[in-house]
Amino acid sequence: MERNVAALGRQPATPDKFAFVRWLPAWVGGLSIWSRLRWAGFLFVLPALIHLATFKFYPMLEAFWLSFHRYDLMSPPVFNGLRNYQVLWENPLFHQSFWVSATYMFGVALPEWFLALGLALLLNRQIPGRSLIRLAYFFPIAMSQIVVAMVWKFMYHPHGLVNTILEFFWIGRINWLSTEETALPALIIIGIWRGIPLFAVLYLAGLQSIPKEYYEAAAIDGAGPLQRFLHITVPLLLPTILLVIVMSLLSAVKVFLNPLVMTEGGPNGTTRVLPYFIYETGFAYFRMGEAAAASMVLFAFVFVLTLINLRLLRRGGLE
């Protein structure tokens, strides 16, 4: 009996689960343990909140305020009401840039949704070298965007790799980046190539979270591959589909470096997307008020588009 008591005395003490809140200031010492835990959690996320407030929310509010002023970076801002928005509405270059951005966004995002899902379905199967393939197709995401733009610019050169391949199939050389009909499709191809790996990884994570028992039960009931995909995979993958749709649209509508490095908005404005128009208006023509107003239009467009996606998918059963 005495040995058992001594053994129990030598056992390590149970660690205090809430010891990490003891470093909080003395003025919170009178609070309950749950209140102190909430304060501790707030202090942990405080650096991230400061970063967001400084580099995200404050610039957005400043741009919103600046959109109602005339400002050329040289003199103090002068309030002019809705004049900047009126100038944008009357500017044909703004309308052209808006439709170029919309065309690029849907031209990139729509193929990404289906091609990334197909790639994820392929990689979710037991195929030889699956780990090596996963590593290889993720390389485009790891590459810097400026590097991607420069590499593809050389590949699209009249004597570059793309035209060399086309000549092998008896197709003539194409001036991809200097022809109005091909400049924007060339940039769309780059966006699709770079976005598919990321969204395939997201789809793959969603596919692997679906219990295999569902497929086994459906197969026993006589459901074929297409029925299992439509009635099991798609409904259970809806949260991931929503994430991919929103992320792909947001990343596509914000494209800037590729038009800047590869085409400079040309030829004849066919690749002047809205972010490039904002940059050109603000830092080339020093009309910061109009640039801020254009950025607010872009923000409103993306916000409304995201709300529509959420509403449509919720009606489809994502609740």
C-alpha atoms as a PDB file:
ATOM      1  CA  MET A   1       0.000   0.000   0.000  1.00  0.00           C
ATOM      2  CA  GLU A   2       2.795   2.394   0.920  1.00  0.00           C
ATOM      3  CA  ARG A   3       4.622   1.517  -2.345  1.00  0.00           C
ATOM      4  CA  ASN A   4       1.529   2.380  -4.350  1.00  0.00           C
ATOM      5  CA  VAL A   5       1.176   5.725  -2.573  1.00  0.00           C
ATOM      6  CA  ALA A   6       4.858   6.501  -3.191  1.00  0.00           C
ATOM      7  CA  ALA A   7       4.527   5.567  -6.875  1.00  0.00           C
ATOM      8  CA  LEU A   8       1.580   7.851  -7.228  1.00  0.00           C
ATOM      9  CA  GLY A   9       3.549  10.624  -5.582  1.00  0.00           C
ATOM     10  CA  ARG A  10       6.316  10.248  -8.184  1.00  0.00           C
ATOM     11  CA  GLN A  11       3.931  10.570 -11.142  1.00  0.00           C
ATOM     12  CA  PRO A  12       4.197  13.870 -13.025  1.00  0.00           C
ATOM     13  CA  ALA A  13       1.558  16.414 -12.265  1.00  0.00           C
ATOM     14  CA  THR A  14      -1.228  16.891 -14.810  1.00  0.00           C
ATOM     15  CA  PRO A  15      -0.352  19.898 -16.979  1.00  0.00           C
ATOM     16  CA  ASP A  16      -2.516  22.950 -16.633  1.00  0.00           C
ATOM     17  CA  LYS A  17      -4.466  23.342 -19.900  1.00  0.00           C
ATOM     18  CA  PHE A  18      -4.927  27.050 -19.274  1.00  0.00           C
ATOM     19  CA  ALA A  19      -1.404  27.913 -18.140  1.00  0.00           C
ATOM     20  CA  PHE A  20      -0.772  29.955 -21.296  1.00  0.00           C
ATOM     21  CA  VAL A  21      -3.244  32.634 -20.150  1.00  0.00           C
ATOM     22  CA  ARG A  22      -1.262  33.386 -16.980  1.00  0.00           C
ATOM     23  CA  TRP A  23       0.994  35.821 -18.869  1.00  0.00           C
ATOM     24  CA  LEU A  24      -1.931  38.171 -19.490  1.00  0.00           C
ATOM     25  CA  PRO A  25      -1.687  41.587 -17.792  1.00  0.00           C
ATOM     26  CA  ALA A  26      -2.633  41.873 -14.159  1.00  0.00           C
ATOM     27  CA  TRP A  27      -5.728  43.980 -14.938  1.00  0.00           C
ATOM     28  CA  VAL A  28      -7.427  40.914 -16.401  1.00  0.00           C
ATOM     29  CA  GLY A  29      -6.627  38.772 -13.385  1.00  0.00           C
ATOM     30  CA  GLY A  30     -10.111  39.303 -11.967  1.00  0.00           C
ATOM     31  CA  LEU A  31     -11.804  37.920 -15.089  1.00  0.00           C
ATOM     32  CA  SER A  32     -13.091  34.388 -15.414  1.00  0.00           C
ATOM     33  CA  ILE A  33     -10.987  31.770 -17.163  1.00  0.00           C
ATOM     34  CA  TRP A  34     -13.191  31.914 -20.277  1.00  0.00           C
ATOM     35  CA  SER A  35     -12.911  35.686 -20.504  1.00  0.00           C
ATOM     36  CA  ARG A  36      -9.154  35.402 -20.176  1.00  0.00           C
ATOM     37  CA  LEU A  37      -9.125  32.763 -22.922  1.00  0.00           C
ATOM     38  CA  ARG A  38     -11.055  35.108 -25.207  1.00  0.00           C
ATOM     39  CA  TRP A  39      -8.555  37.889 -24.506  1.00  0.00           C
ATOM     40  CA  ALA A  40      -5.687  35.507 -25.216  1.00  0.00           C
ATOM     41  CA  GLY A  41      -7.222  34.514 -28.540  1.00  0.00           C
ATOM     42  CA  PHE A  42      -7.725  38.158 -29.465  1.00  0.00           C
ATOM     43  CA  LEU A  43      -4.076  38.949 -28.701  1.00  0.00           C
ATOM     44  CA  PHE A  44      -2.953  36.025 -30.865  1.00  0.00           C
ATOM     45  CA  VAL A  45      -4.850  37.313 -33.909  1.00  0.00           C
ATOM     46  CA  LEU A  46      -4.079  40.983 -33.216  1.00  0.00           C
ATOM     47  CA  PRO A  47      -0.930  41.087 -35.450  1.00  0.00           C
ATOM     48  CA  ALA A  48      -2.926  39.686 -38.376  1.00  0.00           C
ATOM     49  CA  LEU A  49      -5.726  42.202 -37.760  1.00  0.00           C
ATOM     50  CA  ILE A  50      -3.213  45.067 -37.696  1.00  0.00           C
ATOM     51  CA  HIS A  51      -1.711  43.844 -40.975  1.00  0.00           C
ATOM     52  CA  LEU A  52      -5.138  43.608 -42.640  1.00  0.00           C
ATOM     53  CA  ALA A  53      -6.212  46.992 -41.347  1.00  0.00           C
ATOM     54  CA  THR A  54      -2.972  48.673 -42.486  1.00  0.00           C
ATOM     55  CA  PHE A  55      -2.428  47.093 -45.885  1.00  0.00           C
ATOM     56  CA  LYS A  56      -5.955  46.032 -46.922  1.00  0.00           C
ATOM     57  CA  PHE A  57      -8.822  47.947 -45.326  1.00  0.00           C
ATOM     58  CA  TYR A  58      -7.184  51.364 -45.004  1.00  0.00           C
ATOM     59  CA  PRO A  59      -6.065  51.468 -48.685  1.00  0.00           C
ATOM     60  CA  MET A  60      -9.584  50.424 -49.723  1.00  0.00           C
ATOM     61  CA  LEU A  61     -11.157  53.218 -47.686  1.00  0.00           C
ATOM     62  CA  GLU A  62      -8.566  55.667 -48.983  1.00  0.00           C
ATOM     63  CA  ALA A  63      -9.314  54.639 -52.589  1.00  0.00           C
ATOM     64  CA  PHE A  64     -13.047  55.044 -51.956  1.00  0.00           C
ATOM     65  CA  TRP A  65     -12.463  58.538 -50.541  1.00  0.00           C
ATOM     66  CA  LEU A  66     -10.103  59.437 -53.386  1.00  0.00           C
ATOM     67  CA  SER A  67     -12.648  58.381 -56.020  1.00  0.00           C
ATOM     68  CA  PHE A  68     -14.642  61.530 -55.173  1.00  0.00           C
ATOM     69  CA  HIS A  69     -11.646  63.848 -55.585  1.00  0.00           C
ATOM     70  CA  ARG A  70      -9.473  65.220 -58.357  1.00  0.00           C
ATOM     71  CA  TYR A  71      -5.870  64.329 -57.562  1.00  0.00           C
ATOM     72  CA  ASP A  72      -2.741  64.363 -59.728  1.00  0.00           C
ATOM     73  CA  LEU A  73      -0.070  63.428 -57.118  1.00  0.00           C
ATOM     74  CA  MET A  74       1.280  66.994 -57.274  1.00  0.00           C
ATOM     75  CA  SER A  75      -1.426  69.130 -55.675  1.00  0.00           C
ATOM     76  CA  PRO A  76      -3.780  68.398 -52.760  1.00  0.00           C
ATOM     77  CA  PRO A  77      -6.958  66.428 -53.574  1.00  0.00           C
ATOM     78  CA  VAL A  78      -9.958  68.557 -54.558  1.00  0.00           C
ATOM     79  CA  PHE A  79     -13.478  67.254 -54.012  1.00  0.00           C
ATOM     80  CA  ASN A  80     -15.430  66.909 -57.264  1.00  0.00           C
ATOM     81  CA  GLY A  81     -18.308  64.586 -56.301  1.00  0.00           C
ATOM     82  CA  LEU A  82     -19.246  61.974 -58.881  1.00  0.00           C
ATOM     83  CA  ARG A  83     -17.275  63.633 -61.672  1.00  0.00           C
ATOM     84  CA  ASN A  84     -14.701  60.807 -61.816  1.00  0.00           C
ATOM     85  CA  TYR A  85     -17.424  58.205 -62.302  1.00  0.00           C
ATOM     86  CA  GLN A  86     -19.015  60.344 -65.008  1.00  0.00           C
ATOM     87  CA  VAL A  87     -15.676  60.633 -66.815  1.00  0.00           C
ATOM     88  CA  LEU A  88     -15.246  56.861 -66.656  1.00  0.00           C
ATOM     89  CA  TRP A  89     -18.724  56.308 -68.056  1.00  0.00           C
ATOM     90  CA  GLU A  90     -17.892  58.570 -70.992  1.00  0.00           C
ATOM     91  CA  ASN A  91     -14.456  57.037 -71.564  1.00  0.00           C
ATOM     92  CA  PRO A  92     -14.521  54.364 -74.326  1.00  0.00           C
ATOM     93  CA  LEU A  93     -11.199  52.950 -73.102  1.00  0.00           C
ATOM     94  CA  PHE A  94     -12.802  52.137 -69.742  1.00  0.00           C
ATOM     95  CA  HIS A  95     -15.646  50.253 -71.430  1.00  0.00           C
ATOM     96  CA  GLN A  96     -13.164  48.384 -73.604  1.00  0.00           C
ATOM     97  CA  SER A  97     -11.031  47.461 -70.579  1.00  0.00           C
ATOM     98  CA  PHE A  98     -14.080  46.296 -68.643  1.00  0.00           C
ATOM     99  CA  TRP A  99     -15.163  43.914 -71.402  1.00  0.00           C
ATOM    100  CA  VAL A 100     -11.602  42.706 -71.924  1.00  0.00           C
ATOM    101  CA  SER A 101     -11.426  41.861 -68.209  1.00  0.00           C
ATOM    102  CA  ALA A 102     -14.795  40.085 -68.337  1.00  0.00           C
ATOM    103  CA  THR A 103     -13.749  38.108 -71.418  1.00  0.00           C
ATOM    104  CA  TYR A 104     -10.433  37.152 -69.848  1.00  0.00           C
ATOM    105  CA  MET A 105     -12.040  36.239 -66.525  1.00  0.00           C
ATOM    106  CA  PHE A 106     -14.625  33.858 -67.950  1.00  0.00           C
ATOM    107  CA  GLY A 107     -12.234  32.626 -70.648  1.00  0.00           C
ATOM    108  CA  VAL A 108      -9.813  31.517 -67.937  1.00  0.00           C
ATOM    109  CA  ALA A 109     -12.174  30.489 -65.131  1.00  0.00           C
ATOM    110  CA  LEU A 110     -14.659  28.336 -67.063  1.00  0.00           C
ATOM    111  CA  PRO A 111     -12.070  25.898 -68.503  1.00  0.00           C
ATOM    112  CA  GLU A 112     -10.276  25.804 -65.142  1.00  0.00           C
ATOM    113  CA  TRP A 113     -13.369  24.496 -63.348  1.00  0.00           C
ATOM    114  CA  PHE A 114     -13.699  21.455 -65.583  1.00  0.00           C
ATOM    115  CA  LEU A 115     -10.082  20.751 -66.520  1.00  0.00           C
ATOM    116  CA  ALA A 116      -8.942  20.969 -62.893  1.00  0.00           C
ATOM    117  CA  LEU A 117     -11.749  18.619 -61.830  1.00  0.00           C
ATOM    118  CA  GLY A 118     -10.804  16.152 -64.562  1.00  0.00           C
ATOM    119  CA  LEU A 119      -7.164  16.249 -63.493  1.00  0.00           C
ATOM    120  CA  ALA A 120      -8.140  15.735 -59.856  1.00  0.00           C
ATOM    121  CA  LEU A 121     -10.340  12.749 -60.767  1.00  0.00           C
ATOM    122  CA  LEU A 122      -7.426  11.263 -62.696  1.00  0.00           C
ATOM    123  CA  LEU A 123      -4.951  11.766 -59.861  1.00  0.00           C
ATOM    124  CA  ASN A 124      -7.417  10.379 -57.335  1.00  0.00           C
ATOM    125  CA  ARG A 125      -7.112   6.983 -59.014  1.00  0.00           C
ATOM    126  CA  GLN A 126      -4.359   4.464 -58.429  1.00  0.00           C
ATOM    127  CA  ILE A 127      -2.069   5.170 -61.379  1.00  0.00           C
ATOM    128  CA  PRO A 128       1.688   4.536 -61.686  1.00  0.00           C
ATOM    129  CA  GLY A 129       3.860   7.486 -60.698  1.00  0.00           C
ATOM    130  CA  ARG A 130       0.982   9.398 -59.119  1.00  0.00           C
ATOM    131  CA  SER A 131       3.194  11.151 -56.555  1.00  0.00           C
ATOM    132  CA  LEU A 132       5.665  12.270 -59.215  1.00  0.00           C
ATOM    133  CA  ILE A 133       2.853  13.592 -61.409  1.00  0.00           C
ATOM    134  CA  ARG A 134       1.407  15.560 -58.494  1.00  0.00           C
ATOM    135  CA  LEU A 135       4.788  17.162 -57.883  1.00  0.00           C
ATOM    136  CA  ALA A 136       5.334  17.976 -61.562  1.00  0.00           C
ATOM    137  CA  TYR A 137       1.984  19.619 -62.267  1.00  0.00           C
ATOM    138  CA  PHE A 138       2.308  21.873 -59.203  1.00  0.00           C
ATOM    139  CA  PHE A 139       5.457  23.548 -60.555  1.00  0.00           C
ATOM    140  CA  PRO A 140       3.576  26.388 -62.356  1.00  0.00           C
ATOM    141  CA  ILE A 141       2.213  27.589 -59.022  1.00  0.00           C
ATOM    142  CA  ALA A 142       5.674  27.648 -57.457  1.00  0.00           C
ATOM    143  CA  MET A 143       7.083  29.802 -60.267  1.00  0.00           C
ATOM    144  CA  SER A 144       7.098  33.579 -59.946  1.00  0.00           C
ATOM    145  CA  GLN A 145       4.495  35.344 -62.061  1.00  0.00           C
ATOM    146  CA  ILE A 146       7.113  37.580 -63.679  1.00  0.00           C
ATOM    147  CA  VAL A 147       9.150  34.511 -64.601  1.00  0.00           C
ATOM    148  CA  VAL A 148       6.079  32.871 -66.115  1.00  0.00           C
ATOM    149  CA  ALA A 149       5.356  35.991 -68.180  1.00  0.00           C
ATOM    150  CA  MET A 150       8.925  36.221 -69.509  1.00  0.00           C
ATOM    151  CA  VAL A 151       9.119  32.514 -70.359  1.00  0.00           C
ATOM    152  CA  TRP A 152       5.819  32.545 -72.223  1.00  0.00           C
ATOM    153  CA  LYS A 153       6.781  35.744 -74.030  1.00  0.00           C
ATOM    154  CA  PHE A 154       9.796  33.925 -75.488  1.00  0.00           C
ATOM    155  CA  MET A 155       7.646  30.886 -76.269  1.00  0.00           C
ATOM    156  CA  TYR A 156       5.128  33.055 -78.152  1.00  0.00           C
ATOM    157  CA  HIS A 157       7.893  34.712 -80.205  1.00  0.00           C
ATOM    158  CA  PRO A 158       7.444  34.228 -83.987  1.00  0.00           C
ATOM    159  CA  HIS A 159      10.463  31.898 -83.856  1.00  0.00           C
ATOM    160  CA  GLY A 160       9.667  30.508 -80.406  1.00  0.00           C
ATOM    161  CA  LEU A 161       8.682  27.067 -79.205  1.00  0.00           C
ATOM    162  CA  VAL A 162       4.938  27.428 -79.833  1.00  0.00           C
ATOM    163  CA  ASN A 163       5.366  28.350 -83.491  1.00  0.00           C
ATOM    164  CA  THR A 164       8.010  25.659 -83.911  1.00  0.00           C
ATOM    165  CA  ILE A 165       5.468  23.064 -82.761  1.00  0.00           C
ATOM    166  CA  LEU A 166       2.830  24.532 -85.057  1.00  0.00           C
ATOM    167  CA  GLU A 167       5.195  24.332 -88.014  1.00  0.00           C
ATOM    168  CA  PHE A 168       5.779  20.653 -87.252  1.00  0.00           C
ATOM    169  CA  PHE A 169       2.045  20.137 -87.889  1.00  0.00           C
ATOM    170  CA  TRP A 170       2.168  22.238 -91.096  1.00  0.00           C
ATOM    171  CA  ILE A 171       0.564  25.269 -89.465  1.00  0.00           C
ATOM    172  CA  GLY A 172       2.071  28.640 -90.284  1.00  0.00           C
ATOM    173  CA  ARG A 173       3.776  30.902 -87.788  1.00  0.00           C
ATOM    174  CA  ILE A 174       1.484  33.194 -85.771  1.00  0.00           C
ATOM    175  CA  ASN A 175       2.377  36.560 -84.265  1.00  0.00           C
ATOM    176  CA  TRP A 176       0.606  35.693 -81.042  1.00  0.00           C
ATOM    177  CA  LEU A 177       1.224  38.881 -79.052  1.00  0.00           C
ATOM    178  CA  SER A 178       1.102  41.447 -81.866  1.00  0.00           C
ATOM    179  CA  THR A 179      -2.161  40.379 -83.538  1.00  0.00           C
ATOM    180  CA  GLU A 180      -5.504  41.563 -82.186  1.00  0.00           C
ATOM    181  CA  GLU A 181      -7.210  38.221 -82.810  1.00  0.00           C
ATOM    182  CA  THR A 182      -4.628  36.136 -80.910  1.00  0.00           C
ATOM    183  CA  ALA A 183      -3.181  38.383 -78.171  1.00  0.00           C
ATOM    184  CA  LEU A 184      -5.979  37.902 -75.629  1.00  0.00           C
ATOM    185  CA  PRO A 185      -6.403  34.133 -76.312  1.00  0.00           C
ATOM    186  CA  ALA A 186      -2.635  33.782 -75.793  1.00  0.00           C
ATOM    187  CA  LEU A 187      -2.932  35.357 -72.336  1.00  0.00           C
ATOM    188  CA  ILE A 188      -5.990  33.228 -71.559  1.00  0.00           C
ATOM    189  CA  ILE A 189      -4.008  30.059 -72.323  1.00  0.00           C
ATOM    190  CA  ILE A 190      -1.341  31.145 -69.827  1.00  0.00           C
ATOM    191  CA  GLY A 191      -3.958  31.834 -67.149  1.00  0.00           C
ATOM    192  CA  ILE A 192      -5.534  28.400 -67.639  1.00  0.00           C
ATOM    193  CA  TRP A 193      -2.146  26.662 -67.590  1.00  0.00           C
ATOM    194  CA  ARG A 194      -1.155  28.381 -64.358  1.00  0.00           C
ATOM    195  CA  GLY A 195      -4.478  27.998 -62.555  1.00  0.00           C
ATOM    196  CA  ILE A 196      -5.323  24.349 -63.211  1.00  0.00           C
ATOM    197  CA  PRO A 197      -2.721  22.854 -60.798  1.00  0.00           C
ATOM    198  CA  LEU A 198      -3.880  24.918 -57.821  1.00  0.00           C
ATOM    199  CA  PHE A 199      -7.557  24.156 -58.299  1.00  0.00           C
ATOM    200  CA  ALA A 200      -6.817  20.504 -59.032  1.00  0.00           C
ATOM    201  CA  VAL A 201      -5.174  20.283 -55.603  1.00  0.00           C
ATOM    202  CA  LEU A 202      -8.287  21.779 -54.002  1.00  0.00           C
ATOM    203  CA  TYR A 203     -10.538  19.365 -55.886  1.00  0.00           C
ATOM    204  CA  LEU A 204      -8.280  16.465 -54.943  1.00  0.00           C
ATOM    205  CA  ALA A 205      -8.496  17.369 -51.256  1.00  0.00           C
ATOM    206  CA  GLY A 206     -12.282  17.458 -51.545  1.00  0.00           C
ATOM    207  CA  LEU A 207     -12.408  14.110 -53.340  1.00  0.00           C
ATOM    208  CA  GLN A 208     -10.247  12.422 -50.734  1.00  0.00           C
ATOM    209  CA  SER A 209     -12.531  13.660 -47.947  1.00  0.00           C
ATOM    210  CA  ILE A 210     -15.511  11.734 -49.388  1.00  0.00           C
ATOM    211  CA  PRO A 211     -15.903   8.380 -47.568  1.00  0.00           C
ATOM    212  CA  LYS A 212     -15.317   5.401 -49.839  1.00  0.00           C
ATOM    213  CA  GLU A 213     -18.204   3.569 -48.190  1.00  0.00           C
ATOM    214  CA  TYR A 214     -20.636   5.744 -50.146  1.00  0.00           C
ATOM    215  CA  TYR A 215     -19.223   4.545 -53.456  1.00  0.00           C
ATOM    216  CA  GLU A 216     -19.150   0.933 -52.294  1.00  0.00           C
ATOM    217  CA  ALA A 217     -22.803   1.070 -51.202  1.00  0.00           C
ATOM    218  CA  ALA A 218     -23.814   2.691 -54.486  1.00  0.00           C
ATOM    219  CA  ALA A 219     -21.921   0.073 -56.487  1.00  0.00           C
ATOM    220  CA  ILE A 220     -23.708  -2.701 -54.580  1.00  0.00           C
ATOM    221  CA  ASP A 221     -27.029  -1.054 -55.474  1.00  0.00           C
ATOM    222  CA  GLY A 222     -26.055  -1.170 -59.136  1.00  0.00           C
ATOM    223  CA  ALA A 223     -25.069   2.479 -59.689  1.00  0.00           C
ATOM    224  CA  GLY A 224     -22.655   3.026 -62.562  1.00  0.00           C
ATOM    225  CA  PRO A 225     -19.624   5.381 -62.624  1.00  0.00           C
ATOM    226  CA  LEU A 226     -21.631   8.286 -64.052  1.00  0.00           C
ATOM    227  CA  GLN A 227     -24.419   7.852 -61.500  1.00  0.00           C
ATOM    228  CA  ARG A 228     -21.910   7.698 -58.651  1.00  0.00           C
ATOM    229  CA  PHE A 229     -20.247  10.858 -59.940  1.00  0.00           C
ATOM    230  CA  LEU A 230     -23.501  12.809 -60.329  1.00  0.00           C
ATOM    231  CA  HIS A 231     -25.231  11.664 -57.136  1.00  0.00           C
ATOM    232  CA  ILE A 232     -22.293  11.257 -54.738  1.00  0.00           C
ATOM    233  CA  THR A 233     -19.206  13.127 -55.923  1.00  0.00           C
ATOM    234  CA  VAL A 234     -20.827  16.335 -57.149  1.00  0.00           C
ATOM    235  CA  PRO A 235     -23.166  16.940 -54.143  1.00  0.00           C
ATOM    236  CA  LEU A 236     -20.431  16.228 -51.593  1.00  0.00           C
ATOM    237  CA  LEU A 237     -17.939  18.304 -53.576  1.00  0.00           C
ATOM    238  CA  LEU A 238     -20.145  21.408 -53.736  1.00  0.00           C
ATOM    239  CA  PRO A 239     -18.259  23.326 -50.995  1.00  0.00           C
ATOM    240  CA  THR A 240     -15.007  22.791 -52.876  1.00  0.00           C
ATOM    241  CA  ILE A 241     -16.672  23.736 -56.154  1.00  0.00           C
ATOM    242  CA  LEU A 242     -17.825  27.014 -54.606  1.00  0.00           C
ATOM    243  CA  LEU A 243     -14.309  27.721 -53.347  1.00  0.00           C
ATOM    244  CA  VAL A 244     -12.796  26.990 -56.770  1.00  0.00           C
ATOM    245  CA  ILE A 245     -15.347  29.151 -58.595  1.00  0.00           C
ATOM    246  CA  VAL A 246     -14.807  32.153 -56.337  1.00  0.00           C
ATOM    247  CA  MET A 247     -11.017  31.831 -56.243  1.00  0.00           C
ATOM    248  CA  SER A 248     -10.714  31.351 -60.006  1.00  0.00           C
ATOM    249  CA  LEU A 249     -12.871  34.375 -60.794  1.00  0.00           C
ATOM    250  CA  LEU A 250     -11.025  36.573 -58.304  1.00  0.00           C
ATOM    251  CA  SER A 251      -7.580  35.542 -59.511  1.00  0.00           C
ATOM    252  CA  ALA A 252      -8.554  36.005 -63.166  1.00  0.00           C
ATOM    253  CA  VAL A 253     -10.121  39.433 -62.750  1.00  0.00           C
ATOM    254  CA  LYS A 254      -6.995  40.697 -60.942  1.00  0.00           C
ATOM    255  CA  VAL A 255      -4.535  39.740 -63.692  1.00  0.00           C
ATOM    256  CA  PHE A 256      -1.993  42.499 -64.261  1.00  0.00           C
ATOM    257  CA  LEU A 257       1.581  41.323 -64.728  1.00  0.00           C
ATOM    258  CA  ASN A 258       1.026  39.290 -67.882  1.00  0.00           C
ATOM    259  CA  PRO A 259      -0.488  42.172 -69.892  1.00  0.00           C
ATOM    260  CA  LEU A 260       2.097  44.563 -68.466  1.00  0.00           C
ATOM    261  CA  VAL A 261       5.130  42.446 -69.298  1.00  0.00           C
ATOM    262  CA  MET A 262       3.980  40.709 -72.470  1.00  0.00           C
ATOM    263  CA  THR A 263       1.768  43.150 -74.389  1.00  0.00           C
ATOM    264  CA  GLU A 264       1.576  46.452 -72.451  1.00  0.00           C
ATOM    265  CA  GLY A 265      -2.167  46.436 -73.082  1.00  0.00           C
ATOM    266  CA  GLY A 266      -1.824  46.110 -76.841  1.00  0.00           C
ATOM    267  CA  PRO A 267      -2.300  45.590 -79.635  1.00  0.00           C
ATOM    268  CA  ASN A 268      -4.870  48.376 -79.909  1.00  0.00           C
ATOM    269  CA  GLY A 269      -6.057  47.816 -76.332  1.00  0.00           C
ATOM    270  CA  THR A 270      -7.184  44.214 -76.874  1.00  0.00           C
ATOM    271  CA  THR A 271      -5.299  43.072 -73.737  1.00  0.00           C
ATOM    272  CA  ARG A 272      -5.802  46.208 -71.644  1.00  0.00           C
ATOM    273  CA  VAL A 273      -7.569  44.605 -68.695  1.00  0.00           C
ATOM    274  CA  LEU A 274      -9.163  46.757 -66.014  1.00  0.00           C
ATOM    275  CA  PRO A 275      -6.262  46.517 -63.508  1.00  0.00           C
ATOM    276  CA  TYR A 276      -3.891  47.646 -66.263  1.00  0.00           C
ATOM    277  CA  PHE A 277      -6.277  50.500 -67.130  1.00  0.00           C
ATOM    278  CA  ILE A 278      -6.253  51.554 -63.459  1.00  0.00           C
ATOM    279  CA  TYR A 279      -2.449  51.455 -63.360  1.00  0.00           C
ATOM    280  CA  GLU A 280      -2.146  53.394 -66.619  1.00  0.00           C
ATOM    281  CA  THR A 281      -4.682  56.031 -65.586  1.00  0.00           C
ATOM    282  CA  GLY A 282      -3.115  56.603 -62.194  1.00  0.00           C
ATOM    283  CA  PHE A 283       0.623  56.335 -62.796  1.00  0.00           C
ATOM    284  CA  ALA A 284       0.984  57.185 -66.495  1.00  0.00           C
ATOM    285  CA  TYR A 285      -1.574  60.003 -66.767  1.00  0.00           C
ATOM    286  CA  PHE A 286      -1.586  61.002 -63.057  1.00  0.00           C
ATOM    287  CA  ARG A 287      -5.384  60.929 -62.787  1.00  0.00           C
ATOM    288  CA  MET A 288      -5.533  59.223 -59.426  1.00  0.00           C
ATOM    289  CA  GLY A 289      -9.164  60.098 -58.784  1.00  0.00           C
ATOM    290  CA  GLU A 290     -10.314  58.370 -61.960  1.00  0.00           C
ATOM    291  CA  ALA A 291      -8.067  55.400 -61.199  1.00  0.00           C
ATOM    292  CA  ALA A 292      -9.583  55.112 -57.710  1.00  0.00           C
ATOM    293  CA  ALA A 293     -13.088  55.291 -59.190  1.00  0.00           C
ATOM    294  CA  ALA A 294     -12.211  52.516 -61.652  1.00  0.00           C
ATOM    295  CA  SER A 295     -10.906  50.393 -58.798  1.00  0.00           C
ATOM    296  CA  MET A 296     -14.208  50.869 -56.964  1.00  0.00           C
ATOM    297  CA  VAL A 297     -16.080  49.722 -60.071  1.00  0.00           C
ATOM    298  CA  LEU A 298     -13.856  46.647 -60.219  1.00  0.00           C
ATOM    299  CA  PHE A 299     -14.473  45.937 -56.531  1.00  0.00           C
ATOM    300  CA  ALA A 300     -18.243  46.274 -56.967  1.00  0.00           C
ATOM    301  CA  PHE A 301     -18.189  43.960 -59.996  1.00  0.00           C
ATOM    302  CA  VAL A 302     -16.276  41.252 -58.140  1.00  0.00           C
ATOM    303  CA  PHE A 303     -18.428  41.637 -55.026  1.00  0.00           C
ATOM    304  CA  VAL A 304     -21.691  41.259 -56.964  1.00  0.00           C
ATOM    305  CA  LEU A 305     -20.283  38.321 -58.923  1.00  0.00           C
ATOM    306  CA  THR A 306     -19.300  36.557 -55.696  1.00  0.00           C
ATOM    307  CA  LEU A 307     -22.769  37.097 -54.202  1.00  0.00           C
ATOM    308  CA  ILE A 308     -24.381  35.637 -57.325  1.00  0.00           C
ATOM    309  CA  ASN A 309     -22.151  32.553 -57.090  1.00  0.00           C
ATOM    310  CA  LEU A 310     -23.038  32.057 -53.435  1.00  0.00           C
ATOM    311  CA  ARG A 311     -26.746  32.409 -54.119  1.00  0.00           C
ATOM    312  CA  LEU A 312     -26.729  30.007 -57.063  1.00  0.00           C
ATOM    313  CA  LEU A 313     -24.807  27.319 -55.230  1.00  0.00           C
ATOM    314  CA  ARG A 314     -26.940  27.647 -52.115  1.00  0.00           C
ATOM    315  CA  ARG A 315     -30.019  27.096 -54.237  1.00  0.00           C
ATOM    316  CA  GLY A 316     -28.259  24.030 -55.553  1.00  0.00           C
ATOM    317  CA  GLY A 317     -28.077  22.527 -52.082  1.00  0.00           C
ATOM    318  CA  LEU A 318     -24.970  24.032 -50.441  1.00  0.00           C
ATOM    319  CA  GLU A 319     -26.520  24.965 -47.129  1.00  0.00           C
END
